[in-house]
């Protein structure tokens, strides 16, 4: 009986160790995730001051998973670092001939304003009475967003006039979004 209890205890500890190692990817010491998990950045990204980065392969989307376990999408580390917001003011992907053509969003921007998605998809989604659209160049980065239940925070985009950044609190990812006016 003692051997059976000992074997069960050793098996339990081995399984527990394997589970702990599996969960460690993408986490800091203390078990907190480095991306997402409810973290909300204190502020949006700073304007890009350096020369804009030139993609190696202009026809391809850039790579963002800067560390094992991080998403392959623009994201924010829990230390406030915005990964992927480095293309600068002249990025043609985010040029608008008529910035703010549907008006400026006045519903509340930044950490103190968490919005609950109410439905739709990348082409048109909403929360409250406000309609939004994901930038065509960023549509590939919203895989996994729950359009009827995720919480997001809207930030100003300091480099691309007319665009805002929608940050997904659950995933820790963000995309450029265009305010479409009251919905």
N, C-alpha and C. Protein backbone atom coordinates (compact mmCIF):
# COMPACT_ATOMS: atom_id res chain seq x y z
N UNK A 1 0.82 -1.19 0.00
CA UNK A 1 0.00 0.00 0.00
C UNK A 1 0.87 1.26 0.00
N UNK A 2 1.98 1.22 0.78
CA UNK A 2 2.87 2.38 0.83
C UNK A 2 3.48 2.64 -0.55
N UNK A 3 3.81 1.57 -1.27
CA UNK A 3 4.38 1.73 -2.62
C UNK A 3 3.36 2.35 -3.56
N UNK A 4 2.11 1.96 -3.44
CA UNK A 4 1.04 2.50 -4.29
C UNK A 4 0.83 3.99 -4.01
N UNK A 5 0.82 4.37 -2.75
CA UNK A 5 0.68 5.78 -2.39
C UNK A 5 1.89 6.57 -2.87
N UNK A 6 3.08 6.02 -2.71
CA UNK A 6 4.30 6.69 -3.19
C UNK A 6 4.28 6.87 -4.69
N UNK A 7 3.88 5.83 -5.43
CA UNK A 7 3.81 5.91 -6.89
C UNK A 7 2.78 6.96 -7.32
N UNK A 8 1.63 6.98 -6.66
CA UNK A 8 0.60 7.97 -6.99
C UNK A 8 1.11 9.38 -6.71
N UNK A 9 1.83 9.58 -5.63
CA UNK A 9 2.37 10.90 -5.28
C UNK A 9 3.39 11.35 -6.31
N UNK A 10 4.30 10.46 -6.71
CA UNK A 10 5.31 10.80 -7.71
C UNK A 10 4.64 11.13 -9.05
N UNK A 11 3.64 10.33 -9.44
CA UNK A 11 2.93 10.59 -10.70
C UNK A 11 2.24 11.96 -10.66
N UNK A 12 1.61 12.28 -9.53
CA UNK A 12 0.96 13.57 -9.37
C UNK A 12 1.95 14.72 -9.51
N UNK A 13 3.11 14.60 -8.87
CA UNK A 13 4.12 15.66 -8.93
C UNK A 13 4.67 15.83 -10.34
N UNK A 14 4.87 14.73 -11.06
CA UNK A 14 5.35 14.82 -12.44
C UNK A 14 4.31 15.54 -13.31
N UNK A 15 3.05 15.18 -13.16
CA UNK A 15 1.98 15.84 -13.93
C UNK A 15 1.90 17.33 -13.59
N UNK A 16 1.97 17.64 -12.31
CA UNK A 16 1.91 19.03 -11.87
C UNK A 16 3.06 19.84 -12.45
N UNK A 17 4.25 19.25 -12.48
CA UNK A 17 5.43 19.92 -13.05
C UNK A 17 5.24 20.17 -14.54
N UNK A 18 4.69 19.18 -15.26
CA UNK A 18 4.46 19.35 -16.70
C UNK A 18 3.46 20.46 -16.98
N UNK A 19 2.39 20.52 -16.18
CA UNK A 19 1.39 21.57 -16.35
C UNK A 19 2.01 22.94 -16.10
N UNK A 20 2.80 23.06 -15.07
CA UNK A 20 3.45 24.33 -14.74
C UNK A 20 4.37 24.78 -15.85
N UNK A 21 5.12 23.86 -16.45
CA UNK A 21 6.02 24.23 -17.54
C UNK A 21 5.23 24.66 -18.76
N UNK A 22 4.12 24.00 -19.06
CA UNK A 22 3.30 24.35 -20.22
C UNK A 22 2.74 25.76 -20.08
N UNK A 23 2.33 26.13 -18.89
CA UNK A 23 1.74 27.45 -18.66
C UNK A 23 2.76 28.56 -18.58
N UNK A 24 4.04 28.22 -18.40
CA UNK A 24 5.06 29.23 -18.21
C UNK A 24 5.33 30.04 -19.48
N UNK A 25 5.10 29.49 -20.68
CA UNK A 25 5.34 30.22 -21.92
C UNK A 25 4.55 31.51 -21.96
N UNK A 26 5.22 32.64 -22.25
CA UNK A 26 4.55 33.93 -22.35
C UNK A 26 4.18 34.54 -21.02
N UNK A 27 4.70 33.97 -19.93
CA UNK A 27 4.38 34.54 -18.63
C UNK A 27 5.62 35.06 -17.96
N UNK A 28 5.44 36.05 -17.09
CA UNK A 28 6.52 36.59 -16.29
C UNK A 28 6.64 35.75 -15.03
N UNK A 29 7.65 36.03 -14.22
CA UNK A 29 7.75 35.38 -12.92
C UNK A 29 6.51 35.73 -12.12
N UNK A 30 6.03 34.78 -11.36
CA UNK A 30 4.82 35.03 -10.58
C UNK A 30 3.57 34.57 -11.31
N UNK A 31 3.69 34.04 -12.53
CA UNK A 31 2.55 33.49 -13.24
C UNK A 31 1.67 34.48 -13.95
N UNK A 32 2.01 35.75 -13.99
CA UNK A 32 1.18 36.74 -14.68
C UNK A 32 1.53 36.75 -16.16
N UNK A 33 0.53 36.85 -17.04
CA UNK A 33 0.83 36.88 -18.48
C UNK A 33 1.55 38.17 -18.86
N UNK A 34 2.41 38.09 -19.89
CA UNK A 34 3.11 39.27 -20.39
C UNK A 34 2.27 40.02 -21.41
N UNK A 35 1.22 39.39 -21.92
CA UNK A 35 0.33 39.99 -22.92
C UNK A 35 -1.10 39.60 -22.57
N UNK A 36 -2.00 40.58 -22.54
CA UNK A 36 -3.41 40.30 -22.31
C UNK A 36 -3.73 39.97 -20.87
N UNK A 37 -4.67 39.07 -20.69
CA UNK A 37 -5.04 38.63 -19.36
C UNK A 37 -5.71 39.69 -18.51
N UNK A 38 -6.32 40.69 -19.14
CA UNK A 38 -6.99 41.74 -18.39
C UNK A 38 -6.17 43.01 -18.21
N UNK A 39 -4.90 42.98 -18.61
CA UNK A 39 -4.06 44.18 -18.49
C UNK A 39 -4.59 45.28 -19.41
N UNK A 40 -4.63 46.51 -18.89
CA UNK A 40 -5.03 47.68 -19.69
C UNK A 40 -3.90 48.70 -19.62
N UNK A 41 -3.33 49.08 -20.78
CA UNK A 41 -2.25 50.07 -20.78
C UNK A 41 -2.69 51.41 -20.20
N UNK A 42 -1.78 52.05 -19.48
CA UNK A 42 -2.07 53.37 -18.89
C UNK A 42 -2.31 54.42 -19.96
N UNK A 43 -1.61 54.28 -21.07
CA UNK A 43 -1.73 55.25 -22.17
C UNK A 43 -1.49 54.56 -23.49
N UNK A 44 -1.82 55.25 -24.56
CA UNK A 44 -1.57 54.72 -25.90
C UNK A 44 -0.09 54.84 -26.25
N UNK A 45 0.27 54.43 -27.45
CA UNK A 45 1.68 54.48 -27.85
C UNK A 45 2.16 55.91 -28.05
N UNK A 46 3.44 56.09 -27.87
CA UNK A 46 4.06 57.40 -28.15
C UNK A 46 4.21 57.55 -29.67
N UNK A 47 4.23 58.77 -30.16
CA UNK A 47 4.48 58.96 -31.60
C UNK A 47 5.85 58.39 -31.98
N UNK A 48 5.93 57.87 -33.19
CA UNK A 48 7.19 57.33 -33.68
C UNK A 48 8.10 58.49 -34.03
N UNK A 49 9.30 58.52 -33.43
CA UNK A 49 10.24 59.61 -33.70
C UNK A 49 11.36 59.18 -34.64
N UNK A 50 11.65 57.89 -34.66
CA UNK A 50 12.70 57.37 -35.53
C UNK A 50 12.18 57.26 -36.95
N UNK A 51 13.10 57.01 -37.88
CA UNK A 51 12.70 56.79 -39.26
C UNK A 51 11.79 55.56 -39.31
N UNK A 52 10.74 55.60 -40.11
CA UNK A 52 9.84 54.45 -40.18
C UNK A 52 10.58 53.21 -40.63
N UNK A 53 10.14 52.06 -40.12
CA UNK A 53 10.77 50.81 -40.51
C UNK A 53 10.32 50.45 -41.92
N UNK A 54 11.22 49.88 -42.68
CA UNK A 54 10.89 49.41 -44.02
C UNK A 54 10.73 47.89 -43.96
N UNK A 55 9.56 47.36 -44.30
CA UNK A 55 9.39 45.92 -44.24
C UNK A 55 10.31 45.21 -45.23
N UNK A 56 10.81 44.04 -44.82
CA UNK A 56 11.69 43.26 -45.70
C UNK A 56 10.95 42.84 -46.95
N UNK A 57 9.71 42.43 -46.77
CA UNK A 57 8.88 41.98 -47.88
C UNK A 57 7.61 42.82 -47.87
N UNK A 58 7.57 43.91 -48.62
CA UNK A 58 6.45 44.84 -48.54
C UNK A 58 5.07 44.21 -48.75
N UNK A 59 4.98 43.12 -49.52
CA UNK A 59 3.69 42.51 -49.78
C UNK A 59 3.21 41.68 -48.58
N UNK A 60 4.10 41.37 -47.66
CA UNK A 60 3.74 40.54 -46.51
C UNK A 60 3.51 41.40 -45.27
N UNK A 61 2.72 40.89 -44.37
CA UNK A 61 2.53 41.57 -43.09
C UNK A 61 3.77 41.34 -42.23
N UNK A 62 4.13 42.32 -41.42
CA UNK A 62 5.28 42.14 -40.54
C UNK A 62 5.01 41.08 -39.48
N UNK A 63 6.06 40.63 -38.82
CA UNK A 63 5.95 39.62 -37.76
C UNK A 63 5.96 40.33 -36.41
N UNK A 64 5.13 39.86 -35.48
CA UNK A 64 4.98 40.54 -34.20
C UNK A 64 5.27 39.67 -32.98
N UNK A 65 5.27 38.34 -33.13
CA UNK A 65 5.49 37.54 -31.93
C UNK A 65 6.96 37.62 -31.54
N UNK A 66 7.26 38.63 -30.75
CA UNK A 66 8.62 38.97 -30.36
C UNK A 66 9.18 38.04 -29.30
N UNK A 67 8.35 37.13 -28.80
CA UNK A 67 8.78 36.21 -27.76
C UNK A 67 7.86 34.99 -27.80
N UNK A 68 8.36 33.83 -27.44
CA UNK A 68 7.53 32.63 -27.43
C UNK A 68 6.30 32.86 -26.56
N UNK A 69 5.14 32.48 -27.11
CA UNK A 69 3.89 32.65 -26.39
C UNK A 69 3.19 33.96 -26.66
N UNK A 70 3.85 34.87 -27.37
CA UNK A 70 3.22 36.16 -27.70
C UNK A 70 2.46 36.02 -29.02
N UNK A 71 1.42 36.82 -29.21
CA UNK A 71 0.61 36.70 -30.42
C UNK A 71 1.32 37.20 -31.67
N UNK A 72 0.90 36.65 -32.81
CA UNK A 72 1.40 37.11 -34.10
C UNK A 72 0.47 38.23 -34.58
N UNK A 73 0.40 39.27 -33.79
CA UNK A 73 -0.43 40.45 -34.06
C UNK A 73 0.14 41.59 -33.24
N UNK A 74 -0.12 42.83 -33.62
CA UNK A 74 0.31 43.94 -32.78
C UNK A 74 -0.27 43.74 -31.37
N UNK A 75 0.56 43.96 -30.36
CA UNK A 75 0.12 43.70 -28.99
C UNK A 75 0.85 44.62 -28.02
N UNK A 76 0.39 44.61 -26.77
CA UNK A 76 0.97 45.45 -25.73
C UNK A 76 1.45 44.56 -24.60
N UNK A 77 2.73 44.71 -24.23
CA UNK A 77 3.26 43.98 -23.08
C UNK A 77 2.70 44.60 -21.81
N UNK A 78 2.66 43.82 -20.75
CA UNK A 78 2.13 44.32 -19.48
C UNK A 78 3.05 45.35 -18.83
N UNK A 79 4.18 45.64 -19.47
CA UNK A 79 5.03 46.74 -18.99
C UNK A 79 4.72 48.03 -19.76
N UNK A 80 3.67 48.01 -20.62
CA UNK A 80 3.25 49.19 -21.37
C UNK A 80 3.89 49.35 -22.73
N UNK A 81 4.73 48.41 -23.17
CA UNK A 81 5.39 48.51 -24.48
C UNK A 81 4.43 48.09 -25.58
N UNK A 82 4.21 49.00 -26.54
CA UNK A 82 3.34 48.73 -27.69
C UNK A 82 4.18 48.11 -28.80
N UNK A 83 4.00 46.84 -29.04
CA UNK A 83 4.75 46.12 -30.07
C UNK A 83 4.01 46.26 -31.40
N UNK A 84 4.70 46.74 -32.42
CA UNK A 84 4.11 46.84 -33.75
C UNK A 84 3.67 48.23 -34.16
N UNK A 85 3.68 49.18 -33.25
CA UNK A 85 3.28 50.54 -33.63
C UNK A 85 4.55 51.35 -33.90
N UNK A 86 5.19 51.02 -35.04
CA UNK A 86 6.49 51.61 -35.33
C UNK A 86 6.67 52.02 -36.79
N UNK A 87 5.58 52.05 -37.56
CA UNK A 87 5.72 52.36 -38.98
C UNK A 87 5.78 53.85 -39.27
N UNK A 88 5.39 54.68 -38.33
CA UNK A 88 5.52 56.13 -38.51
C UNK A 88 4.36 56.76 -39.26
N UNK A 89 4.41 58.08 -39.30
CA UNK A 89 3.31 58.89 -39.82
C UNK A 89 3.02 58.67 -41.30
N UNK A 90 3.99 58.30 -42.09
CA UNK A 90 3.78 58.21 -43.53
C UNK A 90 3.45 56.80 -44.02
N UNK A 91 2.96 55.94 -43.15
CA UNK A 91 2.60 54.58 -43.54
C UNK A 91 1.38 54.63 -44.46
N UNK A 92 1.55 54.25 -45.71
CA UNK A 92 0.48 54.32 -46.70
C UNK A 92 -0.71 53.43 -46.34
N UNK A 93 -0.51 52.40 -45.53
CA UNK A 93 -1.60 51.50 -45.15
C UNK A 93 -2.67 52.24 -44.33
N UNK A 94 -2.29 53.33 -43.71
CA UNK A 94 -3.21 54.04 -42.83
C UNK A 94 -3.47 55.48 -43.30
N UNK A 95 -3.24 55.74 -44.56
CA UNK A 95 -3.52 57.07 -45.11
C UNK A 95 -5.03 57.20 -45.35
N UNK A 96 -5.58 58.32 -44.92
CA UNK A 96 -6.98 58.64 -45.20
C UNK A 96 -7.04 59.99 -45.91
N UNK A 97 -7.77 60.05 -47.02
CA UNK A 97 -7.94 61.32 -47.72
C UNK A 97 -8.75 62.30 -46.89
N UNK A 98 -9.68 61.79 -46.09
CA UNK A 98 -10.55 62.64 -45.28
C UNK A 98 -10.57 62.13 -43.83
N UNK A 99 -9.50 62.43 -43.08
CA UNK A 99 -9.49 61.98 -41.68
C UNK A 99 -10.71 62.50 -40.92
N UNK A 100 -11.22 61.66 -40.05
CA UNK A 100 -12.38 61.98 -39.20
C UNK A 100 -13.60 62.37 -40.02
N UNK A 101 -13.78 61.75 -41.17
CA UNK A 101 -14.90 62.09 -42.03
C UNK A 101 -16.25 61.80 -41.36
N UNK A 102 -16.27 60.91 -40.38
CA UNK A 102 -17.50 60.61 -39.65
C UNK A 102 -17.52 61.30 -38.28
N UNK A 103 -16.58 62.21 -38.05
CA UNK A 103 -16.49 62.91 -36.78
C UNK A 103 -15.48 62.29 -35.85
N UNK A 104 -15.24 62.97 -34.75
CA UNK A 104 -14.33 62.48 -33.72
C UNK A 104 -15.13 61.66 -32.70
N UNK A 105 -14.54 60.61 -32.21
CA UNK A 105 -15.18 59.79 -31.18
C UNK A 105 -15.17 60.57 -29.87
N UNK A 106 -16.33 60.71 -29.25
CA UNK A 106 -16.43 61.49 -28.02
C UNK A 106 -16.90 60.66 -26.83
N UNK A 107 -16.88 59.34 -26.99
CA UNK A 107 -17.43 58.48 -25.94
C UNK A 107 -16.49 58.16 -24.80
N UNK A 108 -15.25 58.50 -24.89
CA UNK A 108 -14.30 58.21 -23.82
C UNK A 108 -13.15 57.37 -24.30
N UNK A 109 -11.95 57.90 -24.16
CA UNK A 109 -10.74 57.26 -24.67
C UNK A 109 -9.81 56.96 -23.51
N UNK A 110 -9.13 55.85 -23.60
CA UNK A 110 -8.08 55.51 -22.64
C UNK A 110 -8.53 54.56 -21.55
N UNK A 111 -7.61 54.29 -20.67
CA UNK A 111 -7.73 53.27 -19.63
C UNK A 111 -9.03 53.34 -18.82
N UNK A 112 -9.54 54.49 -18.56
CA UNK A 112 -10.74 54.62 -17.74
C UNK A 112 -12.04 54.33 -18.47
N UNK A 113 -11.95 53.93 -19.74
CA UNK A 113 -13.15 53.71 -20.55
C UNK A 113 -13.06 52.35 -21.23
N UNK A 114 -13.59 51.34 -20.59
CA UNK A 114 -13.59 49.99 -21.15
C UNK A 114 -14.96 49.76 -21.78
N UNK A 115 -14.94 49.37 -23.06
CA UNK A 115 -16.17 49.19 -23.82
C UNK A 115 -16.40 47.70 -24.08
N UNK A 116 -17.65 47.28 -24.05
CA UNK A 116 -18.05 45.89 -24.27
C UNK A 116 -18.58 45.77 -25.70
N UNK A 117 -17.90 44.95 -26.52
CA UNK A 117 -18.34 44.79 -27.91
C UNK A 117 -19.76 44.24 -27.96
N UNK A 118 -20.55 44.82 -28.86
CA UNK A 118 -21.97 44.47 -28.94
C UNK A 118 -22.36 43.68 -30.16
N UNK A 119 -21.42 43.39 -31.06
CA UNK A 119 -21.76 42.60 -32.24
C UNK A 119 -21.05 43.10 -33.48
N UNK A 120 -21.32 42.41 -34.59
CA UNK A 120 -20.73 42.76 -35.87
C UNK A 120 -19.49 41.95 -36.17
N UNK A 121 -18.56 42.57 -36.85
CA UNK A 121 -17.31 41.94 -37.25
C UNK A 121 -16.34 43.01 -37.71
N UNK A 122 -15.24 42.63 -38.34
CA UNK A 122 -14.22 43.63 -38.70
C UNK A 122 -14.73 44.76 -39.59
N UNK A 123 -15.66 44.48 -40.51
CA UNK A 123 -16.17 45.50 -41.42
C UNK A 123 -17.02 46.54 -40.72
N UNK A 124 -17.77 46.14 -39.72
CA UNK A 124 -18.58 47.04 -38.90
C UNK A 124 -18.87 46.35 -37.59
N UNK A 125 -18.39 46.95 -36.51
CA UNK A 125 -18.72 46.46 -35.18
C UNK A 125 -19.14 47.65 -34.34
N UNK A 126 -19.69 47.37 -33.17
CA UNK A 126 -20.19 48.47 -32.35
C UNK A 126 -20.10 48.13 -30.87
N UNK A 127 -20.16 49.17 -30.10
CA UNK A 127 -20.38 49.11 -28.66
C UNK A 127 -21.13 50.37 -28.32
N UNK A 128 -22.06 50.26 -27.36
CA UNK A 128 -22.92 51.40 -27.07
C UNK A 128 -23.60 51.83 -28.35
N UNK A 129 -23.58 53.12 -28.62
CA UNK A 129 -24.20 53.65 -29.83
C UNK A 129 -23.17 54.01 -30.89
N UNK A 130 -21.96 53.44 -30.79
CA UNK A 130 -20.85 53.85 -31.66
C UNK A 130 -20.45 52.74 -32.63
N UNK A 131 -20.35 53.09 -33.91
CA UNK A 131 -19.94 52.13 -34.94
C UNK A 131 -18.48 52.31 -35.32
N UNK A 132 -17.82 51.20 -35.65
CA UNK A 132 -16.39 51.19 -35.97
C UNK A 132 -16.10 50.22 -37.09
N UNK A 133 -14.95 50.41 -37.74
CA UNK A 133 -14.49 49.49 -38.77
C UNK A 133 -12.99 49.28 -38.61
N UNK A 134 -12.55 48.03 -38.72
CA UNK A 134 -11.12 47.71 -38.62
C UNK A 134 -10.44 48.10 -39.93
N UNK A 135 -9.24 48.68 -39.85
CA UNK A 135 -8.46 49.03 -41.04
C UNK A 135 -8.25 47.78 -41.89
N UNK A 136 -8.44 47.89 -43.21
CA UNK A 136 -8.27 46.71 -44.07
C UNK A 136 -6.92 46.00 -43.85
N UNK A 137 -5.87 46.76 -43.65
CA UNK A 137 -4.54 46.17 -43.45
C UNK A 137 -4.44 45.37 -42.15
N UNK A 138 -5.32 45.65 -41.19
CA UNK A 138 -5.27 45.00 -39.87
C UNK A 138 -6.27 43.87 -39.68
N UNK A 139 -7.12 43.60 -40.66
CA UNK A 139 -8.17 42.59 -40.50
C UNK A 139 -7.60 41.23 -40.11
N UNK A 140 -6.44 40.88 -40.60
CA UNK A 140 -5.83 39.60 -40.25
C UNK A 140 -5.42 39.48 -38.80
N UNK A 141 -5.45 40.56 -38.06
CA UNK A 141 -5.02 40.55 -36.66
C UNK A 141 -6.17 40.45 -35.67
N UNK A 142 -7.40 40.30 -36.15
CA UNK A 142 -8.53 40.21 -35.23
C UNK A 142 -9.06 38.79 -35.09
N UNK A 143 -8.31 37.82 -35.60
CA UNK A 143 -8.69 36.43 -35.39
C UNK A 143 -8.74 36.18 -33.88
N UNK A 144 -9.79 35.59 -33.43
CA UNK A 144 -9.92 35.31 -32.00
C UNK A 144 -10.68 36.37 -31.22
N UNK A 145 -10.97 37.52 -31.84
CA UNK A 145 -11.77 38.53 -31.15
C UNK A 145 -13.21 38.02 -31.05
N UNK A 146 -13.83 38.22 -29.92
CA UNK A 146 -15.22 37.84 -29.71
C UNK A 146 -16.06 39.10 -29.87
N UNK A 147 -16.68 39.23 -31.03
CA UNK A 147 -17.34 40.49 -31.42
C UNK A 147 -18.57 40.82 -30.60
N UNK A 148 -19.08 39.86 -29.85
CA UNK A 148 -20.27 40.14 -29.04
C UNK A 148 -19.99 40.12 -27.54
N UNK A 149 -18.69 40.02 -27.16
CA UNK A 149 -18.45 39.94 -25.72
C UNK A 149 -17.10 40.47 -25.24
N UNK A 150 -16.12 40.65 -26.10
CA UNK A 150 -14.81 41.14 -25.64
C UNK A 150 -14.90 42.58 -25.15
N UNK A 151 -14.03 42.91 -24.22
CA UNK A 151 -13.88 44.29 -23.77
C UNK A 151 -12.72 44.91 -24.51
N UNK A 152 -12.91 46.15 -24.95
CA UNK A 152 -11.84 46.87 -25.64
C UNK A 152 -11.70 48.26 -25.05
N UNK A 153 -10.54 48.84 -25.29
CA UNK A 153 -10.26 50.22 -24.89
C UNK A 153 -9.81 50.93 -26.15
N UNK A 154 -10.31 52.13 -26.37
CA UNK A 154 -9.95 52.94 -27.54
C UNK A 154 -8.87 53.93 -27.13
N UNK A 155 -7.83 54.03 -27.96
CA UNK A 155 -6.75 55.00 -27.75
C UNK A 155 -6.60 55.84 -29.02
N UNK A 156 -6.15 57.07 -28.87
CA UNK A 156 -5.80 57.89 -30.03
C UNK A 156 -4.58 57.29 -30.71
N UNK A 157 -4.52 57.38 -32.02
CA UNK A 157 -3.32 56.97 -32.75
C UNK A 157 -2.51 58.24 -33.02
N UNK A 158 -1.34 58.38 -32.42
CA UNK A 158 -0.58 59.63 -32.54
C UNK A 158 0.09 59.82 -33.90
N UNK A 159 0.12 58.79 -34.72
CA UNK A 159 0.85 58.87 -35.99
C UNK A 159 -0.03 58.86 -37.24
N UNK A 160 -1.25 58.39 -37.12
CA UNK A 160 -2.10 58.19 -38.31
C UNK A 160 -3.41 58.95 -38.14
N UNK A 161 -3.48 60.19 -38.66
CA UNK A 161 -4.67 61.03 -38.49
C UNK A 161 -5.95 60.34 -38.97
N UNK A 162 -6.97 60.38 -38.12
CA UNK A 162 -8.25 59.78 -38.45
C UNK A 162 -8.43 58.38 -37.89
N UNK A 163 -7.36 57.75 -37.49
CA UNK A 163 -7.42 56.39 -36.95
C UNK A 163 -7.35 56.41 -35.43
N UNK A 164 -7.97 55.41 -34.84
CA UNK A 164 -7.86 55.13 -33.42
C UNK A 164 -7.29 53.72 -33.29
N UNK A 165 -6.90 53.35 -32.08
CA UNK A 165 -6.42 52.00 -31.81
C UNK A 165 -7.41 51.33 -30.87
N UNK A 166 -7.90 50.16 -31.25
CA UNK A 166 -8.79 49.37 -30.39
C UNK A 166 -7.96 48.26 -29.77
N UNK A 167 -7.85 48.30 -28.45
CA UNK A 167 -7.06 47.33 -27.70
C UNK A 167 -7.99 46.30 -27.07
N UNK A 168 -7.75 45.02 -27.35
CA UNK A 168 -8.56 43.93 -26.81
C UNK A 168 -7.98 43.53 -25.46
N UNK A 169 -8.72 43.76 -24.39
CA UNK A 169 -8.25 43.54 -23.03
C UNK A 169 -7.95 42.06 -22.77
N UNK A 170 -8.75 41.17 -23.30
CA UNK A 170 -8.57 39.74 -23.07
C UNK A 170 -7.31 39.22 -23.75
N UNK A 171 -7.11 39.61 -25.01
CA UNK A 171 -6.00 39.08 -25.80
C UNK A 171 -4.72 39.91 -25.69
N UNK A 172 -4.86 41.20 -25.39
CA UNK A 172 -3.69 42.08 -25.35
C UNK A 172 -3.25 42.55 -26.71
N UNK A 173 -4.09 42.34 -27.73
CA UNK A 173 -3.76 42.76 -29.09
C UNK A 173 -4.53 44.03 -29.43
N UNK A 174 -4.09 44.71 -30.50
CA UNK A 174 -4.78 45.93 -30.91
C UNK A 174 -4.74 46.06 -32.42
N UNK A 175 -5.67 46.85 -32.96
CA UNK A 175 -5.74 47.12 -34.39
C UNK A 175 -6.13 48.58 -34.59
N UNK A 176 -5.86 49.08 -35.78
CA UNK A 176 -6.31 50.42 -36.17
C UNK A 176 -7.79 50.34 -36.53
N UNK A 177 -8.56 51.29 -36.02
CA UNK A 177 -9.99 51.31 -36.29
C UNK A 177 -10.42 52.72 -36.70
N UNK A 178 -11.45 52.75 -37.52
CA UNK A 178 -12.02 53.99 -38.02
C UNK A 178 -13.38 54.18 -37.36
N UNK A 179 -13.59 55.35 -36.78
CA UNK A 179 -14.88 55.67 -36.18
C UNK A 179 -15.87 55.92 -37.30
N UNK A 180 -17.01 55.20 -37.27
CA UNK A 180 -18.01 55.31 -38.32
C UNK A 180 -19.22 56.15 -37.90
N UNK A 181 -19.19 56.68 -36.67
CA UNK A 181 -20.29 57.51 -36.20
C UNK A 181 -21.29 56.72 -35.37
N UNK A 182 -22.38 57.38 -35.00
CA UNK A 182 -23.41 56.69 -34.21
C UNK A 182 -23.96 55.49 -34.98
N UNK A 183 -24.24 54.44 -34.24
CA UNK A 183 -24.75 53.20 -34.86
C UNK A 183 -26.20 53.02 -34.49
